[in-house]
Structure formats: C-alpha cells, structure tokens
Amino acid sequence: MQVFRGLLTLDPQNMEIRPAHAERWEIKNNGRLYIFYLAKGARFHSGKEVTAEDFKYSFERILDPHTASELSGLLTVVKGGREKLAGKTKETTGIRVRGKYVLEMELAEPSPTFLYVLVHPGLAVVDRSAVEKAGTDFGTQAAQGLLAGTGPFRVKDWNNSQIELKANSDYFKGRPYLDKVIYRFIKEETTALNEYRAGNLDLVDRIPPGQLKAVAGEFPGQVKTTDLLEVTMYVFNVNKPPFNNKYLRKAINYAVNREEIITALEGQAVYGKGIVPKGIPGFGDDVRGYEYNQAKALEMLDKAGYPKGAGLPVIELKYNTSELNQRVAEIVQAHLKKVGINVRLVNMEPAAYLEDLVAGNSQMFRLSWVADYPDPETFLYPLFASTEVGNANFAFYKNPRFDQILLAARETANKRKRTELYKQAQQMLMDDSVGVVLYYSAQTGLVSPRVKNLYMSRLNIKPLERVWLAR
C-alpha cells in the first residue's frame, strides 16, 4: 500500500472513502454507472503518466483467466466481468475509457459496496510495460526493479531479511515526510521485542504472549492497541473426512474454552461469537454461537459416532508459524484432549501453509481474515461462497441456500435489508459449524515516542506518507 495506489483510498481514522487517483466521481443509472475523473500529472515510478487506459489494463489483467487472480471476484460485478474471467471475451464491456483521464465502469447490477471494493490495494494501477517485462516474476523479489507503482514510496531493496523503501519525490499527492522506511521480517515476537529494546525498531506490531503487563511497565505510554475488523478461526475442511460429519464439528466447537484463550492472549484478542466481527455496522454478539460446554461436546461426539472420542483418528491442526499461533494451538489441543479428541499440531511456514490450504490437504486449520472494507460481505462471500472454492473458500463449503442469501444481499441497496440477509447467512454458517470462531483480533504493539502522525485503522491500514520522526 505504500508503493501502489488505486482510484480510491480510506481515511484511517474514520474509514470513509477518500480520493486517490480519482479526484472525483459520479454515480448514475440507478447505481449501475460510475464515472471517475483522474488526477492529471500522476506518474508511475518509471516516469510514465497514469491515464484511464492504465486502469482499464490493470482491471482487465485481474479478470484475465491467464492471470488467475485471487481477487477476480471483486470485479465480476462489472458488466462483462464474468465473461472476461471465463475467457469468452477479450475485453470487459463494462470498463470503458472516455478520455485520457476519464474512466467509466458499468455494473451488471447495482452494488452498494462497489466504492469500498475499489479501495482494495490489489486493485491498484500497475504499469503495463513493467508487468510485461517482468512476466510471471512481476510482484516478486526476483523482479523488484520493475515494481513501478504510483504510491508515496518506491522499492529500493528487497532481500530475505527486509524490504527498504525510499521516498517518491514525484508522488502526485506530495512527497512523503520520511526519506525511507524499512520493513524487517522477524518471525519470533520475542526477537522483535528485543530489537525494539535495543532501539533498532520504531514499531513492533506484536507483543509476546503473556508479557503485556511487563512490557507496558517497561515502556509506559508506548503500548498501542487497535481493535481490528479481523476474525481468527479454526476452519474445517467440510469436504474431507472426518469433518464432513457436522456433529463432530459441533463437538469441537463446544469443547473449546474461548475465555481461556482471550485471557492467555492478554490485549491481543476480543471475545466474539460470529464470523463477522463487532464494529461492522449492524453486527454484534446477537448471533447464536457456541459456548464452552463439555457435556454438549460429549453429546455431539456421541451423535457423531465417536463416544468419548472412541474410534476417532488423531486430528491434524495446521497453522502458520508464530509464537502466538503456537500458544493458541496448544491451548485448544488441551481443551479437545479433555473430551477424548487427540490433536497433532502441525506448524508450517507461510508459503507452504497457503499452498496446502489451496490444495485442500488440511483437515482443520487456522485462518485469520481482516476486512477489505467495513461490510459483512468481505467475510461471508470470499470465505464461504461456492464460487470461491479454489480461491479463499478453503473450507470447501457449498450451500445453495447460503449462496442465494448472499446474492440477494449483494443486489439490494437497502442497508437494513442487506444487514438482515447477511445475519441470516452468518447464522447458517454457525449452524453448519464450518469452523471454530476463536476471537476477534486486537493489534497490540509498541510505537516509539519519536513516531508522529501514525494512525492505525481497524482495517490494519498504516499509511505512512504523512508520518514523521521527532529528533
């Protein structure tokens, strides 16, 4: 997000839509036609001026079946988007250039969240010449010299331990205050904390589990907590034995003591029942979730055909590497052991972990999902719609009635009706027990007193162009 920019952005403080490359826009034809007027003089880091043609190319690249973008579902609401994605057409009829700085986007049906969708960083404009020169290496370390975005920072160096960015003096919104920014890749929270102690880091976004009180005492006023629009779950592959058995899924839900997890993660987790976090308009804890109840867990195990766990093979619980993830997995492993369910923990590196989820090899796995925009659609559709199997629907969940409710919600502009429909959809997922909602995330970290003007939004957005350092 520091290197690339799209048509629109979000204010990190109030999450309202703000102009980026689109200086202004008009909505016509009962919410089906969007006309964007681009800022003149904006340039890629390569020096090439940004025009409406660049946005048309960028969006159609996402819809190109040869790109196989995981974000293609964001643009299928555009007229002709599904046909383009299916390889039936060369161009998307709903994306039209009406002048050097004027872009039209016509939707197949009205979408009350379309402007929010365009905020997604994956829909940022890209330089066609850089993409074509880099080929399949575009966006990777191997082709870092071709990461020609339009954002406030450029990539200076990307190696296995860090990414260094430098200020883009020609940024169309004005040069950023910082000369450079360095992101370091540190797996262990304890190592990062020690680097902060040594003065080698200005910001740490995680505190080792169980150390919050001690760290707050050591660094008074430097601990910052932001409740995120993010849910952390253990999801079941409902298409793969033994979790094609709904009663087994329910048994695990009743066996997990979420309050104990919240306590153990002091300051980094908030209790929640449903898949859609509190803070999304209209959503709270009114969903019928699962309370900790060992008796009910044993009852469900019996119905599943595994009385007190008898005959049930050892369950694999997979998660991506981190101290926090390890701690939570160990707690849940102990909970399930109490009702006769034996769990083997499988700790995986992130790249291999994602590959495993996409392939459908996991039985039960950790999934953390942060909102792309403040709407329930961004949780329910990508994670559980039938059309998203093979993308983010790693549960391989397919429910025609659920899909119908999602479609009805996406097509209505009535906010109250949309909210009620999405509540129905969420309750259906809970009743089907597609996963164990562990908690809603809170990002608790450390920020040096010398860092000024940093705002961390509930979408985990940290824009840096107006951040500065006190001497």
Protein backbone atom coordinates (compact mmCIF):
# COMPACT_ATOMS: atom_id res chain seq x y z
CA MET A 1 0.00 0.00 0.00
CA GLN A 2 2.99 2.29 0.35
CA VAL A 3 4.19 1.53 -3.19
CA PHE A 4 0.92 1.32 -5.15
CA ARG A 5 -2.27 3.39 -5.35
CA GLY A 6 -5.72 2.84 -6.81
CA LEU A 7 -8.69 5.01 -7.69
CA LEU A 8 -9.76 5.49 -4.08
CA THR A 9 -8.43 5.12 -0.55
CA LEU A 10 -9.80 5.08 3.01
CA ASP A 11 -9.30 7.58 5.79
CA PRO A 12 -7.53 5.52 8.51
CA GLN A 13 -9.31 7.38 11.31
CA ASN A 14 -12.96 7.12 10.23
CA MET A 15 -12.73 4.60 7.33
CA GLU A 16 -14.51 6.99 4.96
CA ILE A 17 -13.75 6.87 1.25
CA ARG A 18 -11.27 9.47 0.03
CA PRO A 19 -9.89 10.35 -3.43
CA ALA A 20 -6.67 8.77 -4.64
CA HIS A 21 -6.10 8.76 -8.42
CA ALA A 22 -9.79 9.58 -8.87
CA GLU A 23 -10.16 13.23 -7.91
CA ARG A 24 -13.95 12.97 -8.15
CA TRP A 25 -16.62 10.58 -9.38
CA GLU A 26 -20.26 10.44 -10.42
CA ILE A 27 -22.79 7.64 -9.91
CA LYS A 28 -25.59 7.37 -12.46
CA ASN A 29 -28.17 4.98 -13.90
CA ASN A 30 -29.55 3.93 -10.50
CA GLY A 31 -26.17 2.89 -9.16
CA ARG A 32 -25.03 0.97 -12.24
CA LEU A 33 -22.71 3.53 -13.85
CA TYR A 34 -19.62 5.03 -12.20
CA ILE A 35 -17.59 7.78 -13.88
CA PHE A 36 -14.14 8.52 -12.43
CA TYR A 37 -12.16 11.67 -13.23
CA LEU A 38 -8.45 11.05 -12.69
CA ALA A 39 -5.85 13.43 -11.30
CA LYS A 40 -3.69 14.80 -14.11
CA GLY A 41 0.07 14.58 -13.93
CA ALA A 42 0.26 11.49 -11.67
CA ARG A 43 3.15 9.26 -12.70
CA PHE A 44 4.40 5.74 -12.21
CA HIS A 45 7.79 5.41 -10.54
CA SER A 46 9.11 4.75 -14.04
CA GLY A 47 8.12 8.30 -15.03
CA LYS A 48 5.20 7.29 -17.28
CA GLU A 49 1.99 9.31 -16.76
CA VAL A 50 -1.04 7.48 -15.38
CA THR A 51 -4.13 7.53 -17.61
CA ALA A 52 -7.53 5.87 -17.75
CA GLU A 53 -6.07 3.27 -20.13
CA ASP A 54 -3.75 2.13 -17.35
CA PHE A 55 -6.67 1.46 -15.02
CA LYS A 56 -8.55 -0.37 -17.77
CA TYR A 57 -5.49 -2.57 -18.35
CA SER A 58 -4.99 -3.16 -14.60
CA PHE A 59 -8.59 -4.23 -14.00
CA GLU A 60 -8.75 -6.44 -17.10
CA ARG A 61 -5.47 -8.07 -16.07
CA ILE A 62 -7.18 -9.14 -12.82
CA LEU A 63 -10.12 -10.54 -14.81
CA ASP A 64 -7.86 -12.33 -17.31
CA PRO A 65 -8.14 -16.10 -16.71
CA HIS A 66 -4.41 -16.43 -17.50
CA THR A 67 -3.59 -14.22 -14.52
CA ALA A 68 -5.67 -16.45 -12.22
CA SER A 69 -6.00 -13.62 -9.71
CA GLU A 70 -7.48 -14.50 -6.33
CA LEU A 71 -9.07 -11.03 -6.41
CA SER A 72 -11.03 -11.57 -9.63
CA GLY A 73 -14.26 -11.96 -7.64
CA LEU A 74 -14.05 -8.29 -6.64
CA LEU A 75 -14.62 -7.23 -10.25
CA THR A 76 -17.14 -9.80 -11.51
CA VAL A 77 -19.90 -7.34 -10.58
CA VAL A 78 -18.69 -5.21 -13.53
CA LYS A 79 -20.69 -5.79 -16.72
CA GLY A 80 -18.89 -8.40 -18.81
CA GLY A 81 -16.56 -9.28 -15.94
CA ARG A 82 -17.71 -12.89 -15.65
CA GLU A 83 -17.43 -13.37 -19.41
CA LYS A 84 -13.89 -11.97 -19.39
CA LEU A 85 -12.94 -14.22 -16.48
CA ALA A 86 -14.35 -17.25 -18.30
CA GLY A 87 -12.21 -16.44 -21.35
CA LYS A 88 -15.24 -15.76 -23.54
CA THR A 89 -14.31 -12.16 -24.39
CA LYS A 90 -11.10 -10.17 -24.92
CA GLU A 91 -12.41 -7.02 -23.26
CA THR A 92 -14.75 -6.25 -20.38
CA THR A 93 -17.73 -4.35 -21.79
CA GLY A 94 -18.31 -2.50 -18.52
CA ILE A 95 -14.82 -0.93 -18.38
CA ARG A 96 -14.56 1.95 -20.83
CA VAL A 97 -12.11 4.80 -21.43
CA ARG A 98 -13.97 8.06 -22.17
CA GLY A 99 -10.93 10.32 -22.34
CA LYS A 100 -7.31 10.38 -21.24
CA TYR A 101 -8.36 10.99 -17.64
CA VAL A 102 -11.95 9.66 -17.62
CA LEU A 103 -12.83 6.04 -16.78
CA GLU A 104 -16.33 4.56 -16.90
CA MET A 105 -17.32 1.41 -15.05
CA GLU A 106 -20.75 -0.06 -15.69
CA LEU A 107 -22.03 -2.75 -13.33
CA ALA A 108 -24.14 -5.77 -14.21
CA GLU A 109 -26.30 -4.94 -11.21
CA PRO A 110 -26.18 -2.19 -8.56
CA SER A 111 -23.63 -2.82 -5.82
CA PRO A 112 -23.84 -0.73 -2.64
CA THR A 113 -20.24 -1.67 -1.74
CA PHE A 114 -18.57 -1.02 -5.10
CA LEU A 115 -16.68 2.11 -3.99
CA TYR A 116 -15.36 0.21 -0.97
CA VAL A 117 -14.26 -2.62 -3.29
CA LEU A 118 -12.17 -0.16 -5.30
CA VAL A 119 -10.23 0.74 -2.15
CA HIS A 120 -8.68 -2.75 -2.06
CA PRO A 121 -4.89 -2.46 -2.52
CA GLY A 122 -4.98 -5.33 -5.02
CA LEU A 123 -6.94 -3.07 -7.38
CA ALA A 124 -4.15 -0.51 -7.57
CA VAL A 125 -2.99 0.63 -11.00
CA VAL A 126 0.05 -1.15 -12.48
CA ASP A 127 2.45 -0.18 -15.26
CA ARG A 128 1.76 -2.40 -18.27
CA SER A 129 5.30 -2.16 -19.61
CA ALA A 130 6.74 -3.27 -16.25
CA VAL A 131 4.27 -6.16 -15.96
CA GLU A 132 5.02 -7.43 -19.46
CA LYS A 133 8.78 -7.10 -18.99
CA ALA A 134 8.73 -8.97 -15.65
CA GLY A 135 6.35 -11.68 -16.86
CA THR A 136 5.42 -14.22 -14.20
CA ASP A 137 8.02 -12.69 -11.85
CA PHE A 138 6.04 -9.44 -11.55
CA GLY A 139 5.41 -8.57 -7.91
CA THR A 140 8.16 -10.84 -6.63
CA GLN A 141 11.62 -10.32 -5.22
CA ALA A 142 13.13 -11.55 -8.49
CA ALA A 143 11.68 -8.57 -10.37
CA GLN A 144 11.87 -5.94 -7.64
CA GLY A 145 13.34 -3.39 -10.04
CA LEU A 146 10.12 -3.46 -12.03
CA LEU A 147 7.75 -2.69 -9.13
CA ALA A 148 6.76 0.62 -10.70
CA GLY A 149 3.79 1.76 -8.66
CA THR A 150 2.42 5.25 -8.15
CA GLY A 151 2.49 5.42 -4.34
CA PRO A 152 4.43 7.62 -1.92
CA PHE A 153 7.37 5.19 -1.68
CA ARG A 154 9.49 3.20 -4.15
CA VAL A 155 11.15 -0.15 -3.56
CA LYS A 156 14.88 0.41 -3.07
CA ASP A 157 15.90 -3.08 -1.96
CA TRP A 158 14.14 -6.37 -1.17
CA ASN A 159 16.08 -9.27 0.31
CA ASN A 160 15.29 -12.23 2.54
CA SER A 161 15.50 -10.22 5.75
CA GLN A 162 13.87 -6.89 4.88
CA ILE A 163 12.32 -4.51 2.34
CA GLU A 164 13.65 -0.97 2.14
CA LEU A 165 11.52 1.77 0.63
CA LYS A 166 12.60 5.26 -0.34
CA ALA A 167 10.53 8.41 -0.71
CA ASN A 168 8.91 9.07 -4.09
CA SER A 169 9.69 12.73 -4.67
CA ASP A 170 7.20 12.84 -7.55
CA TYR A 171 4.24 11.39 -5.61
CA PHE A 172 1.13 13.07 -7.02
CA LYS A 173 -0.24 13.81 -3.53
CA GLY A 174 3.01 15.39 -2.37
CA ARG A 175 6.36 13.97 -1.27
CA PRO A 176 6.17 11.88 1.94
CA TYR A 177 7.90 13.25 5.04
CA LEU A 178 10.05 10.17 5.65
CA ASP A 179 13.12 9.64 3.45
CA LYS A 180 12.98 5.87 3.85
CA VAL A 181 11.10 3.05 5.56
CA ILE A 182 12.49 -0.39 6.40
CA TYR A 183 10.26 -3.41 6.98
CA ARG A 184 12.12 -6.24 8.72
CA PHE A 185 10.98 -9.85 8.59
CA ILE A 186 11.14 -11.21 12.15
CA LYS A 187 9.31 -14.46 12.90
CA GLU A 188 9.51 -14.51 16.71
CA GLU A 189 7.74 -11.85 18.76
CA THR A 190 10.45 -12.13 21.45
CA THR A 191 13.20 -11.34 18.94
CA ALA A 192 11.27 -8.31 17.68
CA LEU A 193 10.77 -7.09 21.25
CA ASN A 194 14.49 -7.34 21.94
CA GLU A 195 15.23 -5.38 18.76
CA TYR A 196 12.81 -2.67 19.97
CA ARG A 197 14.61 -2.60 23.34
CA ALA A 198 17.89 -2.10 21.51
CA GLY A 199 16.46 0.86 19.59
CA ASN A 200 16.62 -0.94 16.26
CA LEU A 201 12.87 -0.76 15.60
CA ASP A 202 10.36 2.10 15.83
CA LEU A 203 7.28 -0.07 15.62
CA VAL A 204 6.51 -3.65 16.66
CA ASP A 205 3.07 -4.98 15.82
CA ARG A 206 3.04 -7.95 18.24
CA ILE A 207 3.97 -8.46 21.89
CA PRO A 208 4.96 -11.96 23.05
CA PRO A 209 2.00 -13.80 24.65
CA GLY A 210 1.83 -13.30 28.41
CA GLN A 211 4.21 -10.32 28.51
CA LEU A 212 1.82 -7.39 28.02
CA LYS A 213 1.83 -6.14 31.63
CA ALA A 214 5.60 -6.36 31.91
CA VAL A 215 6.14 -4.62 28.57
CA ALA A 216 3.63 -1.86 29.43
CA GLY A 217 5.57 -1.22 32.64
CA GLU A 218 8.88 -1.21 30.81
CA PHE A 219 7.67 1.16 28.06
CA PRO A 220 4.98 3.43 29.60
CA GLY A 221 2.75 5.10 27.02
CA GLN A 222 4.28 3.17 24.13
CA VAL A 223 1.86 0.22 24.04
CA LYS A 224 -0.83 0.84 21.41
CA THR A 225 -3.92 -1.32 20.91
CA THR A 226 -6.30 -1.22 17.96
CA ASP A 227 -9.38 -3.45 17.78
CA LEU A 228 -9.28 -4.81 14.24
CA LEU A 229 -12.09 -5.88 11.94
CA GLU A 230 -10.46 -9.30 11.90
CA VAL A 231 -11.65 -12.74 12.90
CA THR A 232 -9.40 -15.66 13.82
CA MET A 233 -10.87 -19.12 13.39
CA TYR A 234 -10.04 -22.77 13.15
CA VAL A 235 -11.81 -23.76 9.94
CA PHE A 236 -12.83 -27.29 8.99
CA ASN A 237 -12.46 -28.75 5.52
CA VAL A 238 -16.10 -29.89 5.41
CA ASN A 239 -15.44 -31.86 2.24
CA LYS A 240 -12.77 -34.06 3.83
CA PRO A 241 -13.25 -36.84 6.44
CA PRO A 242 -13.72 -36.73 9.35
CA PHE A 243 -15.07 -33.17 9.17
CA ASN A 244 -17.78 -33.99 6.67
CA ASN A 245 -19.52 -35.02 9.91
CA LYS A 246 -21.37 -31.96 11.25
CA TYR A 247 -21.78 -33.39 14.76
CA LEU A 248 -18.01 -33.76 15.09
CA ARG A 249 -17.60 -30.14 14.07
CA LYS A 250 -20.15 -29.10 16.70
CA ALA A 251 -18.43 -31.21 19.35
CA ILE A 252 -15.17 -29.33 18.81
CA ASN A 253 -16.99 -26.00 18.97
CA TYR A 254 -18.47 -26.84 22.37
CA ALA A 255 -15.15 -28.22 23.67
CA VAL A 256 -13.12 -25.03 23.12
CA ASN A 257 -12.93 -22.60 26.04
CA ARG A 258 -12.61 -19.24 24.28
CA GLU A 259 -12.43 -17.26 27.52
CA GLU A 260 -9.22 -19.05 28.44
CA ILE A 261 -7.73 -18.14 25.04
CA ILE A 262 -8.69 -14.46 25.47
CA THR A 263 -7.06 -14.38 28.90
CA ALA A 264 -3.89 -16.03 27.63
CA LEU A 265 -3.57 -13.53 24.77
CA GLU A 266 -3.93 -10.52 27.05
CA GLY A 267 -4.64 -7.45 24.96
CA GLN A 268 -4.43 -9.18 21.58
CA ALA A 269 -7.89 -10.76 21.36
CA VAL A 270 -11.52 -9.76 21.90
CA TYR A 271 -14.33 -12.24 22.60
CA GLY A 272 -16.71 -12.86 19.72
CA LYS A 273 -19.28 -15.43 18.66
CA GLY A 274 -19.85 -14.85 14.97
CA ILE A 275 -17.68 -14.81 11.87
CA VAL A 276 -18.42 -11.11 11.22
CA PRO A 277 -16.61 -9.00 13.87
CA LYS A 278 -18.22 -6.43 16.08
CA GLY A 279 -17.69 -3.00 14.58
CA ILE A 280 -19.14 -3.90 11.20
CA PRO A 281 -22.38 -1.86 11.06
CA GLY A 282 -25.33 -3.86 12.41
CA PHE A 283 -23.26 -6.76 13.74
CA GLY A 284 -22.65 -7.69 17.35
CA ASP A 285 -22.93 -10.72 19.59
CA ASP A 286 -26.61 -11.45 18.84
CA VAL A 287 -25.60 -14.47 16.72
CA ARG A 288 -26.28 -17.89 18.24
CA GLY A 289 -22.76 -19.17 18.64
CA TYR A 290 -21.16 -21.89 20.78
CA GLU A 291 -20.50 -21.57 24.48
CA TYR A 292 -17.93 -23.71 26.29
CA ASN A 293 -19.86 -26.82 27.38
CA GLN A 294 -18.07 -30.14 27.83
CA ALA A 295 -21.33 -32.03 28.34
CA LYS A 296 -22.67 -30.80 24.99
CA ALA A 297 -19.34 -31.64 23.36
CA LEU A 298 -19.61 -35.22 24.59
CA GLU A 299 -23.25 -35.38 23.44
CA MET A 300 -22.25 -34.24 19.93
CA LEU A 301 -19.36 -36.71 19.87
CA ASP A 302 -21.81 -39.49 20.65
CA LYS A 303 -24.11 -38.36 17.81
CA ALA A 304 -21.09 -38.22 15.51
CA GLY A 305 -20.42 -41.89 16.20
CA TYR A 306 -17.34 -41.31 18.36
CA PRO A 307 -18.46 -41.76 22.00
CA LYS A 308 -15.87 -40.03 24.21
CA GLY A 309 -13.66 -39.91 21.12
CA ALA A 310 -13.54 -43.67 20.67
CA GLY A 311 -12.65 -44.65 17.09
CA LEU A 312 -11.77 -41.10 16.07
CA PRO A 313 -8.36 -40.85 14.34
CA VAL A 314 -5.86 -38.26 15.50
CA ILE A 315 -6.86 -34.85 14.10
CA GLU A 316 -4.27 -32.63 12.41
CA LEU A 317 -4.45 -28.95 13.31
CA LYS A 318 -2.35 -26.83 10.95
CA TYR A 319 -1.28 -23.24 11.49
CA ASN A 320 1.28 -20.78 10.18
CA THR A 321 4.41 -20.10 12.19
CA SER A 322 4.30 -17.66 15.12
CA GLU A 323 4.63 -17.76 18.90
CA LEU A 324 1.04 -16.56 19.31
CA ASN A 325 -0.36 -19.18 16.92
CA GLN A 326 1.62 -21.89 18.70
CA ARG A 327 0.28 -20.80 22.10
CA VAL A 328 -3.36 -20.83 20.94
CA ALA A 329 -2.96 -24.22 19.26
CA GLU A 330 -1.56 -25.73 22.47
CA ILE A 331 -4.49 -24.38 24.49
CA VAL A 332 -7.05 -25.81 22.05
CA GLN A 333 -5.19 -29.12 21.90
CA ALA A 334 -5.57 -29.39 25.70
CA HIS A 335 -9.30 -28.49 25.54
CA LEU A 336 -10.02 -31.22 22.98
CA LYS A 337 -7.98 -33.78 24.90
CA LYS A 338 -10.42 -33.40 27.81
CA VAL A 339 -13.30 -34.79 25.72
CA GLY A 340 -11.29 -37.57 24.09
CA ILE A 341 -10.20 -35.83 20.87
CA ASN A 342 -6.49 -36.22 20.19
CA VAL A 343 -4.86 -33.48 18.11
CA ARG A 344 -1.47 -33.38 16.41
CA LEU A 345 -0.15 -29.84 15.91
CA VAL A 346 1.40 -29.07 12.53
CA ASN A 347 3.39 -25.81 12.39
CA MET A 348 4.08 -24.66 8.80
CA GLU A 349 5.95 -21.87 7.03
CA PRO A 350 3.51 -19.35 5.48
CA ALA A 351 4.11 -20.15 1.79
CA ALA A 352 3.80 -23.91 2.25
CA TYR A 353 0.81 -23.38 4.53
CA LEU A 354 -1.13 -21.38 1.93
CA GLU A 355 -0.27 -23.93 -0.74
CA ASP A 356 -1.64 -26.66 1.49
CA LEU A 357 -4.93 -24.81 2.06
CA VAL A 358 -5.46 -24.15 -1.64
CA ALA A 359 -4.84 -27.83 -2.42
CA GLY A 360 -7.44 -28.87 0.18
CA ASN A 361 -4.97 -31.03 2.10
CA SER A 362 -5.86 -29.71 5.56
CA GLN A 363 -8.44 -31.16 7.94
CA MET A 364 -8.59 -28.33 10.46
CA PHE A 365 -6.59 -25.16 10.08
CA ARG A 366 -6.05 -21.64 11.37
CA LEU A 367 -7.50 -18.79 9.34
CA SER A 368 -7.23 -15.10 10.19
CA TRP A 369 -9.20 -12.76 7.93
CA VAL A 370 -9.21 -8.97 8.09
CA ALA A 371 -11.91 -6.93 6.37
CA ASP A 372 -11.07 -5.43 2.98
CA TYR A 373 -13.79 -2.86 3.68
CA PRO A 374 -16.27 -2.34 6.55
CA ASP A 375 -19.08 -4.59 5.30
CA PRO A 376 -20.12 -8.19 6.17
CA GLU A 377 -19.79 -9.16 2.51
CA THR A 378 -16.00 -9.09 2.80
CA PHE A 379 -16.10 -12.00 5.28
CA LEU A 380 -19.04 -14.12 4.16
CA TYR A 381 -18.59 -14.06 0.38
CA PRO A 382 -14.88 -14.79 -0.18
CA LEU A 383 -14.60 -17.32 2.65
CA PHE A 384 -17.74 -19.39 2.10
CA ALA A 385 -19.48 -18.70 -1.24
CA SER A 386 -19.49 -21.75 -3.53
CA THR A 387 -17.95 -19.68 -6.34
CA GLU A 388 -14.90 -19.00 -4.14
CA VAL A 389 -13.90 -22.65 -3.73
CA GLY A 390 -10.36 -22.67 -5.11
CA ASN A 391 -9.82 -19.07 -4.02
CA ALA A 392 -10.35 -18.21 -0.33
CA ASN A 393 -13.07 -20.79 0.43
CA PHE A 394 -10.60 -23.26 1.95
CA ALA A 395 -13.46 -24.92 3.86
CA PHE A 396 -14.77 -26.21 0.51
CA TYR A 397 -18.20 -25.24 1.80
CA LYS A 398 -21.05 -25.39 -0.72
CA ASN A 399 -24.60 -24.48 0.29
CA PRO A 400 -27.05 -23.32 -2.44
CA ARG A 401 -29.35 -21.62 0.07
CA PHE A 402 -26.42 -19.73 1.58
CA ASP A 403 -25.38 -18.62 -1.93
CA GLN A 404 -28.92 -17.39 -2.65
CA ILE A 405 -28.95 -15.26 0.51
CA LEU A 406 -25.56 -13.75 -0.36
CA LEU A 407 -26.74 -12.93 -3.87
CA ALA A 408 -29.90 -11.25 -2.56
CA ALA A 409 -27.84 -9.21 -0.10
CA ARG A 410 -25.37 -8.11 -2.79
CA GLU A 411 -28.18 -6.92 -5.06
CA THR A 412 -30.13 -4.78 -2.59
CA ALA A 413 -29.25 -1.18 -1.81
CA ASN A 414 -31.46 -1.18 1.30
CA LYS A 415 -28.95 -1.21 4.18
CA ARG A 416 -31.37 -2.62 6.72
CA LYS A 417 -32.46 -5.43 4.42
CA ARG A 418 -28.83 -6.21 3.49
CA THR A 419 -27.86 -6.42 7.15
CA GLU A 420 -30.70 -8.83 7.94
CA LEU A 421 -29.82 -11.03 4.98
CA TYR A 422 -26.17 -11.16 5.99
CA LYS A 423 -27.19 -12.01 9.56
CA GLN A 424 -29.19 -14.96 8.17
CA ALA A 425 -26.16 -16.06 6.16
CA GLN A 426 -23.86 -15.83 9.17
CA GLN A 427 -26.27 -17.83 11.33
CA MET A 428 -26.42 -20.52 8.66
CA LEU A 429 -22.63 -20.86 8.80
CA MET A 430 -22.73 -21.09 12.59
CA ASP A 431 -25.47 -23.74 12.48
CA ASP A 432 -23.44 -25.71 9.93
CA SER A 433 -20.40 -25.29 12.21
CA VAL A 434 -17.95 -24.51 9.42
CA GLY A 435 -15.30 -23.55 11.95
CA VAL A 436 -14.49 -22.50 15.49
CA VAL A 437 -14.55 -18.72 15.97
CA LEU A 438 -11.69 -18.20 18.43
CA TYR A 439 -11.60 -14.42 18.80
CA TYR A 440 -11.63 -11.04 17.08
CA SER A 441 -8.13 -9.68 16.78
CA ALA A 442 -6.71 -6.66 18.53
CA GLN A 443 -3.33 -5.46 17.38
CA THR A 444 -1.28 -4.63 20.44
CA GLY A 445 2.21 -3.45 19.75
CA LEU A 446 4.82 -0.84 20.58
CA VAL A 447 5.30 2.54 18.92
CA SER A 448 8.34 4.66 19.67
CA PRO A 449 7.63 8.15 21.10
CA ARG A 450 9.55 9.65 18.19
CA VAL A 451 6.96 8.37 15.66
CA LYS A 452 4.43 11.11 14.95
CA ASN A 453 1.17 11.25 12.99
CA LEU A 454 0.76 7.46 12.69
CA TYR A 455 -2.83 6.23 12.52
CA MET A 456 -3.63 2.53 12.53
CA SER A 457 -7.14 1.82 11.31
CA ARG A 458 -9.40 -1.11 12.24
CA LEU A 459 -8.65 -2.46 8.76
CA ASN A 460 -4.97 -2.70 9.77
CA ILE A 461 -4.10 0.14 7.39
CA LYS A 462 -0.99 2.15 8.30
CA PRO A 463 -0.48 4.90 5.71
CA LEU A 464 3.00 6.34 6.11
CA GLU A 465 3.12 9.30 3.73
CA ARG A 466 2.39 11.83 6.50
CA VAL A 467 4.29 10.10 9.30
CA TRP A 468 7.36 11.91 10.61
CA LEU A 469 10.04 11.32 13.26
CA ALA A 470 10.89 13.67 16.10
CA ARG A 471 14.60 14.18 16.72
